[in-house]
Amino acid sequence: MGMFRCAAVALLALWVPHLASAEPFAIGKLKYGGGGDWYSNPSSLRNLLAEVNKRTSIKAEPEERIVTLMDDGLADIPFLFITGHGNIRFTDEEARRLREYLLNGGFLLVDDNFGIDPSFRREVKRVFPNRPLEELPFSHPIYHCFYEFPKGLPKIHEHAGGPPHGYGIRDDAGRVVLFYSFNTDLSDGWESPEVHKDPPEAREAALKMGTNIVVYALTH
């Protein structure tokens, strides 16, 4: 079942009202080494958590927690988030801890803020040398578990041109434990409207997709 299957109780409040008293759902923003700006998009997770509270019956904490892979309380947080523009670097022990965290039921969302792709791909091979980062088909549940995204990830910001891509790494049971959104900038779309001045429809698409990712992480 994995150490975080109990986190799904929070989501089950969607259908079973008496479960609404479950412990609040928490997102951990990962502070990583290597010099990249792990702290970018400071309003994004706060806004996403507010929308999860509004749109679903999940009880979400109002603010993200800043965490490292070496924190003693890492196992208490079911969902980790990485973003940034620059270099990511894990120590050998951090790579081992992240692998154990994910294979024991945790979930990691990595959102490329344009620039982390080369270093992330390098580091994820160290975390999972024998598990490929594969592009998920549009039929995957992550695109359909709450809102419908029949064409996969929405495009929020234009950076390198071309369509967005959603990649995943699966555990032995087939569950996606790591989701990587590339060439879309979802977390820019979660930021407060005045930050990027995105059109309302782009922010709405980003928030809906973010909600889907949270729902998938807590129910699979």
C-alpha atoms as a PDB file:
ATOM      1  CA  MET A   1       0.000   0.000   0.000  1.00  0.00           C
ATOM      2  CA  GLY A   2       2.874   2.444   0.698  1.00  0.00           C
ATOM      3  CA  MET A   3       3.369   4.801   3.631  1.00  0.00           C
ATOM      4  CA  PHE A   4       1.216   7.556   2.107  1.00  0.00           C
ATOM      5  CA  ARG A   5      -1.898   5.627   1.144  1.00  0.00           C
ATOM      6  CA  CYS A   6      -3.553   7.078   4.233  1.00  0.00           C
ATOM      7  CA  ALA A   7      -3.259  10.479   2.532  1.00  0.00           C
ATOM      8  CA  ALA A   8      -5.993   9.359   0.141  1.00  0.00           C
ATOM      9  CA  VAL A   9      -8.432   9.661   3.044  1.00  0.00           C
ATOM     10  CA  ALA A  10      -8.362  13.433   2.567  1.00  0.00           C
ATOM     11  CA  LEU A  11      -9.556  13.064  -0.991  1.00  0.00           C
ATOM     12  CA  LEU A  12     -12.231  10.519  -0.120  1.00  0.00           C
ATOM     13  CA  ALA A  13     -14.059  13.353   1.594  1.00  0.00           C
ATOM     14  CA  LEU A  14     -15.258  14.151  -1.932  1.00  0.00           C
ATOM     15  CA  TRP A  15     -17.618  11.193  -1.610  1.00  0.00           C
ATOM     16  CA  VAL A  16     -17.736  10.399   2.121  1.00  0.00           C
ATOM     17  CA  PRO A  17     -18.545  13.584   4.080  1.00  0.00           C
ATOM     18  CA  HIS A  18     -17.586  12.250   7.499  1.00  0.00           C
ATOM     19  CA  LEU A  19     -13.978  11.934   6.319  1.00  0.00           C
ATOM     20  CA  ALA A  20     -13.739  15.708   5.974  1.00  0.00           C
ATOM     21  CA  SER A  21     -11.971  15.835   9.344  1.00  0.00           C
ATOM     22  CA  ALA A  22      -8.876  14.039   7.954  1.00  0.00           C
ATOM     23  CA  GLU A  23      -5.446  15.628   8.403  1.00  0.00           C
ATOM     24  CA  PRO A  24      -4.841  18.494   5.938  1.00  0.00           C
ATOM     25  CA  PHE A  25      -2.999  17.672   2.754  1.00  0.00           C
ATOM     26  CA  ALA A  26       0.495  19.196   2.553  1.00  0.00           C
ATOM     27  CA  ILE A  27       2.763  20.081  -0.359  1.00  0.00           C
ATOM     28  CA  GLY A  28       6.502  20.328   0.219  1.00  0.00           C
ATOM     29  CA  LYS A  29       8.509  22.701  -1.992  1.00  0.00           C
ATOM     30  CA  LEU A  30      11.882  21.062  -2.385  1.00  0.00           C
ATOM     31  CA  LYS A  31      14.981  23.114  -1.651  1.00  0.00           C
ATOM     32  CA  TYR A  32      17.639  21.484  -3.817  1.00  0.00           C
ATOM     33  CA  GLY A  33      21.356  22.071  -4.340  1.00  0.00           C
ATOM     34  CA  GLY A  34      23.218  22.994  -7.490  1.00  0.00           C
ATOM     35  CA  GLY A  35      22.531  26.720  -7.575  1.00  0.00           C
ATOM     36  CA  GLY A  36      19.129  26.714  -9.278  1.00  0.00           C
ATOM     37  CA  ASP A  37      16.341  29.006  -8.091  1.00  0.00           C
ATOM     38  CA  TRP A  38      14.246  26.426  -6.239  1.00  0.00           C
ATOM     39  CA  TYR A  39      12.375  29.351  -4.640  1.00  0.00           C
ATOM     40  CA  SER A  40      10.930  30.720  -7.911  1.00  0.00           C
ATOM     41  CA  ASN A  41       7.182  31.273  -8.413  1.00  0.00           C
ATOM     42  CA  PRO A  42       6.608  32.137  -4.735  1.00  0.00           C
ATOM     43  CA  SER A  43       2.825  32.558  -4.954  1.00  0.00           C
ATOM     44  CA  SER A  44       2.097  29.507  -7.101  1.00  0.00           C
ATOM     45  CA  LEU A  45       1.642  26.739  -4.540  1.00  0.00           C
ATOM     46  CA  ARG A  46      -0.304  28.954  -2.160  1.00  0.00           C
ATOM     47  CA  ASN A  47      -2.756  29.720  -4.956  1.00  0.00           C
ATOM     48  CA  LEU A  48      -2.994  26.090  -6.051  1.00  0.00           C
ATOM     49  CA  LEU A  49      -3.677  24.942  -2.486  1.00  0.00           C
ATOM     50  CA  ALA A  50      -6.426  27.558  -2.161  1.00  0.00           C
ATOM     51  CA  GLU A  51      -8.044  26.276  -5.353  1.00  0.00           C
ATOM     52  CA  VAL A  52      -7.802  22.651  -4.216  1.00  0.00           C
ATOM     53  CA  ASN A  53      -9.630  23.686  -1.037  1.00  0.00           C
ATOM     54  CA  LYS A  54     -12.240  25.532  -3.082  1.00  0.00           C
ATOM     55  CA  ARG A  55     -12.801  23.046  -5.898  1.00  0.00           C
ATOM     56  CA  THR A  56     -12.679  19.782  -3.950  1.00  0.00           C
ATOM     57  CA  SER A  57     -13.368  18.538  -0.454  1.00  0.00           C
ATOM     58  CA  ILE A  58      -9.674  17.967   0.170  1.00  0.00           C
ATOM     59  CA  LYS A  59      -8.503  19.810   3.263  1.00  0.00           C
ATOM     60  CA  ALA A  60      -5.245  21.370   2.121  1.00  0.00           C
ATOM     61  CA  GLU A  61      -2.808  23.391   4.180  1.00  0.00           C
ATOM     62  CA  PRO A  62      -2.870  27.050   3.066  1.00  0.00           C
ATOM     63  CA  GLU A  63       0.907  27.307   2.540  1.00  0.00           C
ATOM     64  CA  GLU A  64       3.526  24.946   1.179  1.00  0.00           C
ATOM     65  CA  ARG A  65       6.277  23.672   3.455  1.00  0.00           C
ATOM     66  CA  ILE A  66       9.892  24.288   2.477  1.00  0.00           C
ATOM     67  CA  VAL A  67      11.729  20.969   2.800  1.00  0.00           C
ATOM     68  CA  THR A  68      14.973  19.237   1.872  1.00  0.00           C
ATOM     69  CA  LEU A  69      15.454  15.582   1.050  1.00  0.00           C
ATOM     70  CA  MET A  70      17.379  15.121   4.287  1.00  0.00           C
ATOM     71  CA  ASP A  71      14.609  16.404   6.573  1.00  0.00           C
ATOM     72  CA  ASP A  72      13.478  13.971   9.274  1.00  0.00           C
ATOM     73  CA  GLY A  73       9.824  14.814   8.593  1.00  0.00           C
ATOM     74  CA  LEU A  74       9.919  14.132   4.857  1.00  0.00           C
ATOM     75  CA  ALA A  75       7.772  11.020   5.232  1.00  0.00           C
ATOM     76  CA  ASP A  76       4.953  13.144   6.674  1.00  0.00           C
ATOM     77  CA  ILE A  77       4.513  15.044   3.388  1.00  0.00           C
ATOM     78  CA  PRO A  78       2.825  13.034   0.603  1.00  0.00           C
ATOM     79  CA  PHE A  79       3.562  15.435  -2.270  1.00  0.00           C
ATOM     80  CA  LEU A  80       6.801  17.204  -3.234  1.00  0.00           C
ATOM     81  CA  PHE A  81       7.238  19.950  -5.815  1.00  0.00           C
ATOM     82  CA  ILE A  82      10.283  21.129  -7.770  1.00  0.00           C
ATOM     83  CA  THR A  83      10.567  24.095 -10.099  1.00  0.00           C
ATOM     84  CA  GLY A  84      13.224  26.563 -11.226  1.00  0.00           C
ATOM     85  CA  HIS A  85      15.309  27.808 -14.129  1.00  0.00           C
ATOM     86  CA  GLY A  86      18.818  26.641 -13.239  1.00  0.00           C
ATOM     87  CA  ASN A  87      20.884  23.682 -12.146  1.00  0.00           C
ATOM     88  CA  ILE A  88      19.657  20.863  -9.893  1.00  0.00           C
ATOM     89  CA  ARG A  89      22.160  18.657  -8.095  1.00  0.00           C
ATOM     90  CA  PHE A  90      21.446  15.842  -5.633  1.00  0.00           C
ATOM     91  CA  THR A  91      24.046  14.246  -3.401  1.00  0.00           C
ATOM     92  CA  ASP A  92      24.214  10.460  -3.477  1.00  0.00           C
ATOM     93  CA  GLU A  93      22.339  10.306  -0.181  1.00  0.00           C
ATOM     94  CA  GLU A  94      19.653  12.716  -1.414  1.00  0.00           C
ATOM     95  CA  ALA A  95      19.155  10.617  -4.550  1.00  0.00           C
ATOM     96  CA  ARG A  96      18.769   7.516  -2.401  1.00  0.00           C
ATOM     97  CA  ARG A  97      16.320   9.248  -0.065  1.00  0.00           C
ATOM     98  CA  LEU A  98      14.201  10.509  -2.957  1.00  0.00           C
ATOM     99  CA  ARG A  99      14.091   7.043  -4.526  1.00  0.00           C
ATOM    100  CA  GLU A 100      12.964   5.488  -1.231  1.00  0.00           C
ATOM    101  CA  TYR A 101      10.425   8.261  -0.646  1.00  0.00           C
ATOM    102  CA  LEU A 102       8.803   7.720  -4.050  1.00  0.00           C
ATOM    103  CA  LEU A 103       8.829   3.927  -3.984  1.00  0.00           C
ATOM    104  CA  ASN A 104       7.213   3.997  -0.529  1.00  0.00           C
ATOM    105  CA  GLY A 105       4.189   5.952  -1.734  1.00  0.00           C
ATOM    106  CA  GLY A 106       5.339   9.555  -2.084  1.00  0.00           C
ATOM    107  CA  PHE A 107       4.799  11.695  -5.182  1.00  0.00           C
ATOM    108  CA  LEU A 108       6.960  14.303  -6.912  1.00  0.00           C
ATOM    109  CA  LEU A 109       5.807  16.951  -9.386  1.00  0.00           C
ATOM    110  CA  VAL A 110       8.598  18.640 -11.345  1.00  0.00           C
ATOM    111  CA  ASP A 111       7.539  21.700 -13.342  1.00  0.00           C
ATOM    112  CA  ASP A 112      10.136  23.085 -15.742  1.00  0.00           C
ATOM    113  CA  ASN A 113      10.206  26.856 -15.346  1.00  0.00           C
ATOM    114  CA  PHE A 114      12.362  26.902 -18.490  1.00  0.00           C
ATOM    115  CA  GLY A 115      15.940  25.942 -17.854  1.00  0.00           C
ATOM    116  CA  ILE A 116      16.052  22.965 -15.478  1.00  0.00           C
ATOM    117  CA  ASP A 117      15.496  20.294 -18.130  1.00  0.00           C
ATOM    118  CA  PRO A 118      19.135  19.236 -18.747  1.00  0.00           C
ATOM    119  CA  SER A 119      20.085  19.007 -15.077  1.00  0.00           C
ATOM    120  CA  PHE A 120      16.799  17.398 -14.044  1.00  0.00           C
ATOM    121  CA  ARG A 121      17.145  14.662 -16.672  1.00  0.00           C
ATOM    122  CA  ARG A 122      20.702  14.048 -15.505  1.00  0.00           C
ATOM    123  CA  GLU A 123      19.706  13.817 -11.845  1.00  0.00           C
ATOM    124  CA  VAL A 124      16.594  11.695 -12.339  1.00  0.00           C
ATOM    125  CA  LYS A 125      18.781   9.048 -14.009  1.00  0.00           C
ATOM    126  CA  ARG A 126      20.789   8.930 -10.801  1.00  0.00           C
ATOM    127  CA  VAL A 127      17.622   8.555  -8.728  1.00  0.00           C
ATOM    128  CA  PHE A 128      16.134   5.889 -11.017  1.00  0.00           C
ATOM    129  CA  PRO A 129      18.864   4.401 -13.211  1.00  0.00           C
ATOM    130  CA  ASN A 130      16.616   1.498 -14.227  1.00  0.00           C
ATOM    131  CA  ARG A 131      13.262   3.263 -14.551  1.00  0.00           C
ATOM    132  CA  PRO A 132      12.730   5.351 -17.698  1.00  0.00           C
ATOM    133  CA  LEU A 133      11.232   8.813 -17.818  1.00  0.00           C
ATOM    134  CA  GLU A 134       8.441   8.081 -20.309  1.00  0.00           C
ATOM    135  CA  GLU A 135       5.949  10.361 -22.006  1.00  0.00           C
ATOM    136  CA  LEU A 136       2.461   9.568 -20.725  1.00  0.00           C
ATOM    137  CA  PRO A 137      -0.337   8.974 -23.244  1.00  0.00           C
ATOM    138  CA  PHE A 138      -3.253  11.393 -23.314  1.00  0.00           C
ATOM    139  CA  SER A 139      -5.436   8.530 -22.033  1.00  0.00           C
ATOM    140  CA  HIS A 140      -3.534   8.399 -18.724  1.00  0.00           C
ATOM    141  CA  PRO A 141      -5.713   8.987 -15.620  1.00  0.00           C
ATOM    142  CA  ILE A 142      -3.701  12.064 -14.603  1.00  0.00           C
ATOM    143  CA  TYR A 143      -5.431  13.884 -17.481  1.00  0.00           C
ATOM    144  CA  HIS A 144      -8.926  12.657 -16.601  1.00  0.00           C
ATOM    145  CA  CYS A 145      -9.203  11.991 -12.845  1.00  0.00           C
ATOM    146  CA  PHE A 146     -11.004  15.253 -11.985  1.00  0.00           C
ATOM    147  CA  TYR A 147     -11.047  17.572 -15.006  1.00  0.00           C
ATOM    148  CA  GLU A 148     -10.828  16.365 -18.585  1.00  0.00           C
ATOM    149  CA  PHE A 149      -7.682  17.100 -20.609  1.00  0.00           C
ATOM    150  CA  PRO A 150      -8.155  14.955 -23.731  1.00  0.00           C
ATOM    151  CA  LYS A 151      -5.087  16.490 -25.397  1.00  0.00           C
ATOM    152  CA  GLY A 152      -2.809  16.240 -22.368  1.00  0.00           C
ATOM    153  CA  LEU A 153      -1.103  19.173 -20.701  1.00  0.00           C
ATOM    154  CA  PRO A 154      -2.356  22.681 -21.467  1.00  0.00           C
ATOM    155  CA  LYS A 155       0.143  25.184 -22.863  1.00  0.00           C
ATOM    156  CA  ILE A 156       0.515  28.077 -20.403  1.00  0.00           C
ATOM    157  CA  HIS A 157       3.674  29.934 -21.499  1.00  0.00           C
ATOM    158  CA  GLU A 158       5.606  29.838 -24.742  1.00  0.00           C
ATOM    159  CA  HIS A 159       9.322  29.242 -24.287  1.00  0.00           C
ATOM    160  CA  ALA A 160      10.989  26.858 -26.703  1.00  0.00           C
ATOM    161  CA  GLY A 161       8.098  26.394 -29.125  1.00  0.00           C
ATOM    162  CA  GLY A 162       6.200  23.205 -29.797  1.00  0.00           C
ATOM    163  CA  PRO A 163       3.690  21.368 -27.645  1.00  0.00           C
ATOM    164  CA  PRO A 164       3.927  20.670 -23.917  1.00  0.00           C
ATOM    165  CA  HIS A 165       4.973  17.222 -22.724  1.00  0.00           C
ATOM    166  CA  GLY A 166       4.060  15.245 -19.636  1.00  0.00           C
ATOM    167  CA  TYR A 167       6.533  12.583 -18.535  1.00  0.00           C
ATOM    168  CA  GLY A 168       6.310  10.053 -15.751  1.00  0.00           C
ATOM    169  CA  ILE A 169       8.247   7.432 -13.840  1.00  0.00           C
ATOM    170  CA  ARG A 170       6.285   4.433 -12.588  1.00  0.00           C
ATOM    171  CA  ASP A 171       6.764   2.081  -9.662  1.00  0.00           C
ATOM    172  CA  ASP A 172       6.479  -1.712  -9.926  1.00  0.00           C
ATOM    173  CA  ALA A 173       2.684  -1.528  -9.661  1.00  0.00           C
ATOM    174  CA  GLY A 174       2.453   0.925 -12.567  1.00  0.00           C
ATOM    175  CA  ARG A 175       1.654   3.989 -10.454  1.00  0.00           C
ATOM    176  CA  VAL A 176       3.238   7.219 -11.637  1.00  0.00           C
ATOM    177  CA  VAL A 177       5.340   8.401  -8.700  1.00  0.00           C
ATOM    178  CA  LEU A 178       7.041  11.281 -10.521  1.00  0.00           C
ATOM    179  CA  PHE A 179       5.351  13.583 -13.022  1.00  0.00           C
ATOM    180  CA  TYR A 180       7.401  16.035 -15.085  1.00  0.00           C
ATOM    181  CA  SER A 181       5.622  18.849 -16.930  1.00  0.00           C
ATOM    182  CA  PHE A 182       7.858  20.244 -19.673  1.00  0.00           C
ATOM    183  CA  ASN A 183       7.433  23.206 -22.042  1.00  0.00           C
ATOM    184  CA  THR A 184       4.238  24.478 -20.440  1.00  0.00           C
ATOM    185  CA  ASP A 185       5.099  26.273 -17.159  1.00  0.00           C
ATOM    186  CA  LEU A 186       2.106  25.182 -15.096  1.00  0.00           C
ATOM    187  CA  SER A 187       3.327  26.902 -11.941  1.00  0.00           C
ATOM    188  CA  ASP A 188       3.617  30.237 -13.748  1.00  0.00           C
ATOM    189  CA  GLY A 189      -0.087  29.832 -14.430  1.00  0.00           C
ATOM    190  CA  TRP A 190      -0.743  29.259 -10.734  1.00  0.00           C
ATOM    191  CA  GLU A 191       0.913  32.520  -9.734  1.00  0.00           C
ATOM    192  CA  SER A 192      -1.194  35.525  -8.811  1.00  0.00           C
ATOM    193  CA  PRO A 193      -2.724  37.257 -11.875  1.00  0.00           C
ATOM    194  CA  GLU A 194      -0.600  40.394 -11.625  1.00  0.00           C
ATOM    195  CA  VAL A 195       2.687  38.456 -11.796  1.00  0.00           C
ATOM    196  CA  HIS A 196       2.563  37.274 -15.412  1.00  0.00           C
ATOM    197  CA  LYS A 197      -0.730  38.848 -16.508  1.00  0.00           C
ATOM    198  CA  ASP A 198      -1.814  35.577 -18.068  1.00  0.00           C
ATOM    199  CA  PRO A 199      -5.301  35.524 -19.582  1.00  0.00           C
ATOM    200  CA  PRO A 200      -7.952  34.046 -17.265  1.00  0.00           C
ATOM    201  CA  GLU A 201      -8.410  30.990 -19.473  1.00  0.00           C
ATOM    202  CA  ALA A 202      -4.704  30.129 -19.205  1.00  0.00           C
ATOM    203  CA  ARG A 203      -4.710  30.437 -15.407  1.00  0.00           C
ATOM    204  CA  GLU A 204      -7.881  28.365 -15.217  1.00  0.00           C
ATOM    205  CA  ALA A 205      -6.346  25.608 -17.347  1.00  0.00           C
ATOM    206  CA  ALA A 206      -3.199  25.605 -15.203  1.00  0.00           C
ATOM    207  CA  LEU A 207      -5.184  25.414 -11.952  1.00  0.00           C
ATOM    208  CA  LYS A 208      -7.403  22.642 -13.282  1.00  0.00           C
ATOM    209  CA  MET A 209      -4.378  20.613 -14.341  1.00  0.00           C
ATOM    210  CA  GLY A 210      -2.734  21.221 -10.979  1.00  0.00           C
ATOM    211  CA  THR A 211      -5.885  19.976  -9.261  1.00  0.00           C
ATOM    212  CA  ASN A 212      -5.796  16.849 -11.422  1.00  0.00           C
ATOM    213  CA  ILE A 213      -2.211  16.146 -10.401  1.00  0.00           C
ATOM    214  CA  VAL A 214      -3.077  16.465  -6.702  1.00  0.00           C
ATOM    215  CA  VAL A 215      -6.131  14.212  -7.111  1.00  0.00           C
ATOM    216  CA  TYR A 216      -4.094  11.600  -8.984  1.00  0.00           C
ATOM    217  CA  ALA A 217      -1.315  11.644  -6.365  1.00  0.00           C
ATOM    218  CA  LEU A 218      -3.770  11.062  -3.528  1.00  0.00           C
ATOM    219  CA  THR A 219      -5.879   8.354  -5.154  1.00  0.00           C
ATOM    220  CA  HIS A 220      -3.397   6.160  -7.008  1.00  0.00           C
END
